[in-house]
Amino acid sequence: MLSFIQEGSADVWKENVLEDLKEGALEYKSVGEFLAAIKKEFERGEEESVKVAELKKLEQGGKTMEEFVQEFRKVARESEYKECSLIEEFKRGMNATIRKRLMEIEY
C-alpha cells in the first residue's frame, strides 16, 4: 500500500514509516490499524486545508464590519494560520473602501 504514496508530505511520511518498520520501532497488526493510522495522520491536514481555503475566499461584501469580523474570527480560529498571515487575509477580505480609509488614518 505504501508504494502508492509518492508525492509531497505524504511521501515524507511514508519514508519515515518505512524506516520505523525496518527498525522494528513500528508495527501494524492489521490493515485496518494501518488505514486508521493513515487517516489519523492526514485527516487534520485536510480539515486545515479546507479552513484555509474558506479563509482565502472570505470577503466582507455587503456584510457590516462586525459581521465580517465575527465570521473571519470563526474561520481563522480553525485555520491555524499565524498572526501575520491572518492580518493579511483580513485586510484582503475587507471592502476596499474601508481598507483605504484605514490606511489613510494618521496616528
N, C-alpha and C. Protein backbone atom coordinates (compact mmCIF):
# COMPACT_ATOMS: atom_id res chain seq x y z
N MET A 1 0.82 -1.19 0.00
CA MET A 1 0.00 0.00 0.00
C MET A 1 0.86 1.26 0.00
N LEU A 2 1.96 1.21 0.73
CA LEU A 2 2.82 2.39 0.81
C LEU A 2 3.45 2.75 -0.54
N SER A 3 3.58 1.80 -1.42
CA SER A 3 4.21 2.08 -2.72
C SER A 3 3.38 3.04 -3.56
N PHE A 4 2.09 3.19 -3.25
CA PHE A 4 1.25 4.12 -4.00
C PHE A 4 1.43 5.56 -3.55
N ILE A 5 2.03 5.77 -2.39
CA ILE A 5 2.26 7.12 -1.86
C ILE A 5 3.58 7.62 -2.44
N GLN A 6 3.50 8.68 -3.26
CA GLN A 6 4.71 9.06 -3.98
C GLN A 6 5.02 10.55 -4.03
N GLU A 7 4.17 11.41 -3.48
CA GLU A 7 4.44 12.84 -3.61
C GLU A 7 4.18 13.60 -2.33
N GLY A 8 4.81 14.76 -2.22
CA GLY A 8 4.55 15.72 -1.16
C GLY A 8 4.85 15.22 0.24
N SER A 9 4.11 15.78 1.20
CA SER A 9 4.34 15.43 2.59
C SER A 9 3.98 13.98 2.87
N ALA A 10 3.07 13.42 2.09
CA ALA A 10 2.71 12.00 2.27
C ALA A 10 3.91 11.11 1.97
N ASP A 11 4.72 11.50 0.98
CA ASP A 11 5.90 10.71 0.64
C ASP A 11 6.93 10.75 1.78
N VAL A 12 7.08 11.90 2.40
CA VAL A 12 8.00 12.03 3.54
C VAL A 12 7.49 11.16 4.70
N TRP A 13 6.18 11.22 4.95
CA TRP A 13 5.58 10.39 5.99
C TRP A 13 5.83 8.91 5.70
N LYS A 14 5.63 8.51 4.43
CA LYS A 14 5.83 7.12 4.03
C LYS A 14 7.26 6.67 4.31
N GLU A 15 8.24 7.51 3.95
CA GLU A 15 9.64 7.16 4.18
C GLU A 15 9.92 6.97 5.68
N ASN A 16 9.34 7.82 6.50
CA ASN A 16 9.51 7.69 7.96
C ASN A 16 8.89 6.39 8.47
N VAL A 17 7.71 6.06 7.97
CA VAL A 17 7.04 4.83 8.37
C VAL A 17 7.86 3.62 7.95
N LEU A 18 8.35 3.63 6.71
CA LEU A 18 9.15 2.50 6.22
C LEU A 18 10.41 2.32 7.08
N GLU A 19 11.04 3.42 7.44
CA GLU A 19 12.24 3.34 8.28
C GLU A 19 11.89 2.78 9.66
N ASP A 20 10.79 3.25 10.23
CA ASP A 20 10.36 2.74 11.55
C ASP A 20 10.00 1.26 11.48
N LEU A 21 9.36 0.84 10.41
CA LEU A 21 9.02 -0.57 10.24
C LEU A 21 10.29 -1.42 10.13
N LYS A 22 11.24 -0.92 9.35
CA LYS A 22 12.50 -1.62 9.15
C LYS A 22 13.26 -1.80 10.46
N GLU A 23 13.25 -0.77 11.30
CA GLU A 23 13.96 -0.80 12.58
C GLU A 23 13.17 -1.53 13.67
N GLY A 24 11.92 -1.89 13.37
CA GLY A 24 11.09 -2.56 14.37
C GLY A 24 10.47 -1.62 15.38
N ALA A 25 10.56 -0.31 15.12
CA ALA A 25 10.02 0.68 16.05
C ALA A 25 8.51 0.86 15.86
N LEU A 26 7.98 0.27 14.81
CA LEU A 26 6.57 0.44 14.49
C LEU A 26 6.03 -0.87 13.95
N GLU A 27 4.80 -1.21 14.33
CA GLU A 27 4.20 -2.45 13.85
C GLU A 27 2.69 -2.26 13.74
N TYR A 28 2.14 -2.68 12.63
CA TYR A 28 0.69 -2.66 12.45
C TYR A 28 0.20 -4.10 12.49
N LYS A 29 -0.79 -4.35 13.32
CA LYS A 29 -1.30 -5.71 13.50
C LYS A 29 -2.31 -6.10 12.42
N SER A 30 -2.88 -5.09 11.75
CA SER A 30 -3.86 -5.37 10.70
C SER A 30 -3.87 -4.23 9.69
N VAL A 31 -4.48 -4.51 8.55
CA VAL A 31 -4.64 -3.47 7.53
C VAL A 31 -5.52 -2.35 8.09
N GLY A 32 -6.54 -2.72 8.85
CA GLY A 32 -7.42 -1.72 9.45
C GLY A 32 -6.67 -0.77 10.37
N GLU A 33 -5.74 -1.30 11.14
CA GLU A 33 -4.93 -0.47 12.04
C GLU A 33 -4.04 0.47 11.23
N PHE A 34 -3.49 -0.05 10.14
CA PHE A 34 -2.66 0.77 9.27
C PHE A 34 -3.48 1.89 8.62
N LEU A 35 -4.67 1.56 8.12
CA LEU A 35 -5.53 2.57 7.50
C LEU A 35 -5.97 3.62 8.51
N ALA A 36 -6.21 3.20 9.75
CA ALA A 36 -6.57 4.15 10.80
C ALA A 36 -5.42 5.10 11.08
N ALA A 37 -4.19 4.59 11.03
CA ALA A 37 -3.00 5.43 11.25
C ALA A 37 -2.87 6.47 10.13
N ILE A 38 -3.12 6.04 8.89
CA ILE A 38 -3.06 6.97 7.75
C ILE A 38 -4.12 8.06 7.92
N LYS A 39 -5.33 7.64 8.24
CA LYS A 39 -6.42 8.61 8.41
C LYS A 39 -6.09 9.61 9.51
N LYS A 40 -5.60 9.11 10.63
CA LYS A 40 -5.24 9.99 11.75
C LYS A 40 -4.15 10.98 11.35
N GLU A 41 -3.18 10.52 10.61
CA GLU A 41 -2.04 11.35 10.20
C GLU A 41 -2.48 12.48 9.27
N PHE A 42 -3.37 12.20 8.34
CA PHE A 42 -3.69 13.17 7.30
C PHE A 42 -5.06 13.82 7.43
N GLU A 43 -5.88 13.34 8.32
CA GLU A 43 -7.22 13.90 8.48
C GLU A 43 -7.17 15.35 8.92
N ARG A 44 -6.35 15.67 9.88
CA ARG A 44 -6.26 17.05 10.38
C ARG A 44 -5.78 17.99 9.30
N GLY A 45 -4.84 17.53 8.49
CA GLY A 45 -4.34 18.36 7.40
C GLY A 45 -5.42 18.71 6.40
N GLU A 46 -6.33 17.77 6.15
CA GLU A 46 -7.43 18.01 5.23
C GLU A 46 -8.38 19.06 5.80
N GLU A 47 -8.71 18.94 7.08
CA GLU A 47 -9.58 19.91 7.73
C GLU A 47 -8.95 21.30 7.68
N GLU A 48 -7.67 21.36 7.97
CA GLU A 48 -6.96 22.64 7.96
C GLU A 48 -6.95 23.24 6.55
N SER A 49 -6.74 22.41 5.54
CA SER A 49 -6.74 22.89 4.16
C SER A 49 -8.09 23.49 3.79
N VAL A 50 -9.16 22.85 4.22
CA VAL A 50 -10.50 23.36 3.95
C VAL A 50 -10.69 24.71 4.62
N LYS A 51 -10.24 24.85 5.87
CA LYS A 51 -10.38 26.12 6.59
C LYS A 51 -9.53 27.22 5.96
N VAL A 52 -8.35 26.88 5.50
CA VAL A 52 -7.50 27.86 4.83
C VAL A 52 -8.18 28.33 3.55
N ALA A 53 -8.76 27.40 2.80
CA ALA A 53 -9.47 27.76 1.57
C ALA A 53 -10.66 28.67 1.88
N GLU A 54 -11.39 28.36 2.94
CA GLU A 54 -12.51 29.21 3.36
C GLU A 54 -12.01 30.61 3.70
N LEU A 55 -10.90 30.68 4.41
CA LEU A 55 -10.33 31.96 4.82
C LEU A 55 -9.93 32.78 3.60
N LYS A 56 -9.34 32.13 2.61
CA LYS A 56 -8.87 32.83 1.42
C LYS A 56 -10.01 33.35 0.55
N LYS A 57 -11.17 32.72 0.61
CA LYS A 57 -12.28 33.21 -0.21
C LYS A 57 -13.24 34.10 0.56
N LEU A 58 -13.02 34.26 1.85
CA LEU A 58 -13.89 35.07 2.69
C LEU A 58 -13.74 36.55 2.33
N GLU A 59 -14.87 37.19 2.05
CA GLU A 59 -14.87 38.62 1.74
C GLU A 59 -16.02 39.29 2.47
N GLN A 60 -15.84 40.54 2.79
CA GLN A 60 -16.85 41.29 3.53
C GLN A 60 -18.11 41.46 2.70
N GLY A 61 -17.96 41.83 1.46
CA GLY A 61 -19.13 42.04 0.61
C GLY A 61 -20.09 43.04 1.23
N GLY A 62 -21.36 42.68 1.33
CA GLY A 62 -22.39 43.56 1.88
C GLY A 62 -22.57 43.44 3.38
N LYS A 63 -21.74 42.66 4.02
CA LYS A 63 -21.84 42.48 5.48
C LYS A 63 -21.31 43.72 6.19
N THR A 64 -21.82 43.94 7.40
CA THR A 64 -21.24 45.01 8.22
C THR A 64 -19.85 44.55 8.65
N MET A 65 -19.05 45.48 9.13
CA MET A 65 -17.71 45.13 9.60
C MET A 65 -17.81 44.15 10.76
N GLU A 66 -18.77 44.35 11.65
CA GLU A 66 -18.94 43.45 12.80
C GLU A 66 -19.26 42.03 12.33
N GLU A 67 -20.14 41.89 11.35
CA GLU A 67 -20.47 40.56 10.82
C GLU A 67 -19.24 39.91 10.19
N PHE A 68 -18.49 40.71 9.42
CA PHE A 68 -17.29 40.19 8.78
C PHE A 68 -16.26 39.75 9.81
N VAL A 69 -16.07 40.57 10.85
CA VAL A 69 -15.10 40.24 11.91
C VAL A 69 -15.48 38.92 12.58
N GLN A 70 -16.76 38.76 12.92
CA GLN A 70 -17.19 37.53 13.60
C GLN A 70 -17.00 36.30 12.71
N GLU A 71 -17.37 36.42 11.44
CA GLU A 71 -17.19 35.30 10.51
C GLU A 71 -15.71 34.99 10.31
N PHE A 72 -14.90 36.04 10.17
CA PHE A 72 -13.46 35.86 9.99
C PHE A 72 -12.85 35.18 11.20
N ARG A 73 -13.20 35.62 12.39
CA ARG A 73 -12.65 35.03 13.61
C ARG A 73 -12.98 33.55 13.71
N LYS A 74 -14.20 33.19 13.35
CA LYS A 74 -14.61 31.78 13.42
C LYS A 74 -13.76 30.92 12.50
N VAL A 75 -13.61 31.34 11.26
CA VAL A 75 -12.84 30.57 10.28
C VAL A 75 -11.35 30.61 10.63
N ALA A 76 -10.84 31.76 11.05
CA ALA A 76 -9.42 31.91 11.38
C ALA A 76 -9.01 31.01 12.53
N ARG A 77 -9.85 30.89 13.53
CA ARG A 77 -9.55 30.06 14.69
C ARG A 77 -9.27 28.62 14.29
N GLU A 78 -9.97 28.13 13.28
CA GLU A 78 -9.83 26.75 12.85
C GLU A 78 -8.78 26.55 11.76
N SER A 79 -8.23 27.65 11.23
CA SER A 79 -7.28 27.54 10.11
C SER A 79 -5.84 27.30 10.57
N GLU A 80 -5.54 27.63 11.81
CA GLU A 80 -4.19 27.54 12.37
C GLU A 80 -3.19 28.45 11.66
N TYR A 81 -3.70 29.48 10.98
CA TYR A 81 -2.82 30.49 10.41
C TYR A 81 -2.16 31.25 11.54
N LYS A 82 -0.98 31.77 11.29
CA LYS A 82 -0.28 32.57 12.28
C LYS A 82 -0.70 34.03 12.13
N GLU A 83 -0.32 34.84 13.09
CA GLU A 83 -0.75 36.23 13.20
C GLU A 83 -0.58 37.06 11.93
N CYS A 84 0.61 37.11 11.37
CA CYS A 84 0.86 37.95 10.19
C CYS A 84 0.02 37.51 9.00
N SER A 85 -0.09 36.22 8.79
CA SER A 85 -0.90 35.70 7.68
C SER A 85 -2.37 36.05 7.88
N LEU A 86 -2.83 35.97 9.12
CA LEU A 86 -4.22 36.32 9.40
C LEU A 86 -4.49 37.79 9.12
N ILE A 87 -3.57 38.63 9.49
CA ILE A 87 -3.74 40.07 9.24
C ILE A 87 -3.85 40.34 7.75
N GLU A 88 -2.99 39.71 6.97
CA GLU A 88 -3.04 39.90 5.51
C GLU A 88 -4.34 39.40 4.92
N GLU A 89 -4.82 38.25 5.37
CA GLU A 89 -6.09 37.71 4.87
C GLU A 89 -7.25 38.60 5.28
N PHE A 90 -7.19 39.15 6.50
CA PHE A 90 -8.25 40.04 6.95
C PHE A 90 -8.30 41.29 6.09
N LYS A 91 -7.14 41.90 5.86
CA LYS A 91 -7.09 43.11 5.03
C LYS A 91 -7.58 42.81 3.61
N ARG A 92 -7.18 41.67 3.08
CA ARG A 92 -7.59 41.30 1.72
C ARG A 92 -9.10 41.13 1.63
N GLY A 93 -9.72 40.59 2.69
CA GLY A 93 -11.14 40.29 2.66
C GLY A 93 -12.06 41.47 2.91
N MET A 94 -11.56 42.51 3.57
CA MET A 94 -12.44 43.64 3.86
C MET A 94 -12.67 44.49 2.61
N ASN A 95 -13.76 45.24 2.63
CA ASN A 95 -14.09 46.10 1.49
C ASN A 95 -12.95 47.07 1.21
N ALA A 96 -12.69 47.29 -0.07
CA ALA A 96 -11.57 48.15 -0.48
C ALA A 96 -11.71 49.57 0.07
N THR A 97 -12.93 50.09 0.13
CA THR A 97 -13.14 51.46 0.62
C THR A 97 -12.73 51.57 2.08
N ILE A 98 -13.13 50.62 2.89
CA ILE A 98 -12.78 50.63 4.31
C ILE A 98 -11.27 50.46 4.47
N ARG A 99 -10.70 49.54 3.72
CA ARG A 99 -9.25 49.31 3.80
C ARG A 99 -8.48 50.58 3.45
N LYS A 100 -8.92 51.27 2.42
CA LYS A 100 -8.25 52.52 2.01
C LYS A 100 -8.36 53.58 3.10
N ARG A 101 -9.54 53.72 3.68
CA ARG A 101 -9.72 54.73 4.74
C ARG A 101 -8.84 54.41 5.96
N LEU A 102 -8.75 53.14 6.31
CA LEU A 102 -7.90 52.76 7.44
C LEU A 102 -6.43 53.07 7.17
N MET A 103 -6.00 52.89 5.93
CA MET A 103 -4.59 53.16 5.59
C MET A 103 -4.30 54.65 5.58
N GLU A 104 -5.31 55.48 5.37
CA GLU A 104 -5.13 56.92 5.30
C GLU A 104 -5.16 57.60 6.67
N ILE A 105 -5.58 56.87 7.69
CA ILE A 105 -5.66 57.45 9.04
C ILE A 105 -4.26 57.80 9.54
N GLU A 106 -4.12 59.02 10.06
CA GLU A 106 -2.82 59.42 10.63
C GLU A 106 -2.85 59.18 12.12
N TYR A 107 -1.73 58.67 12.61
CA TYR A 107 -1.63 58.36 14.05
C TYR A 107 -0.91 59.45 14.78
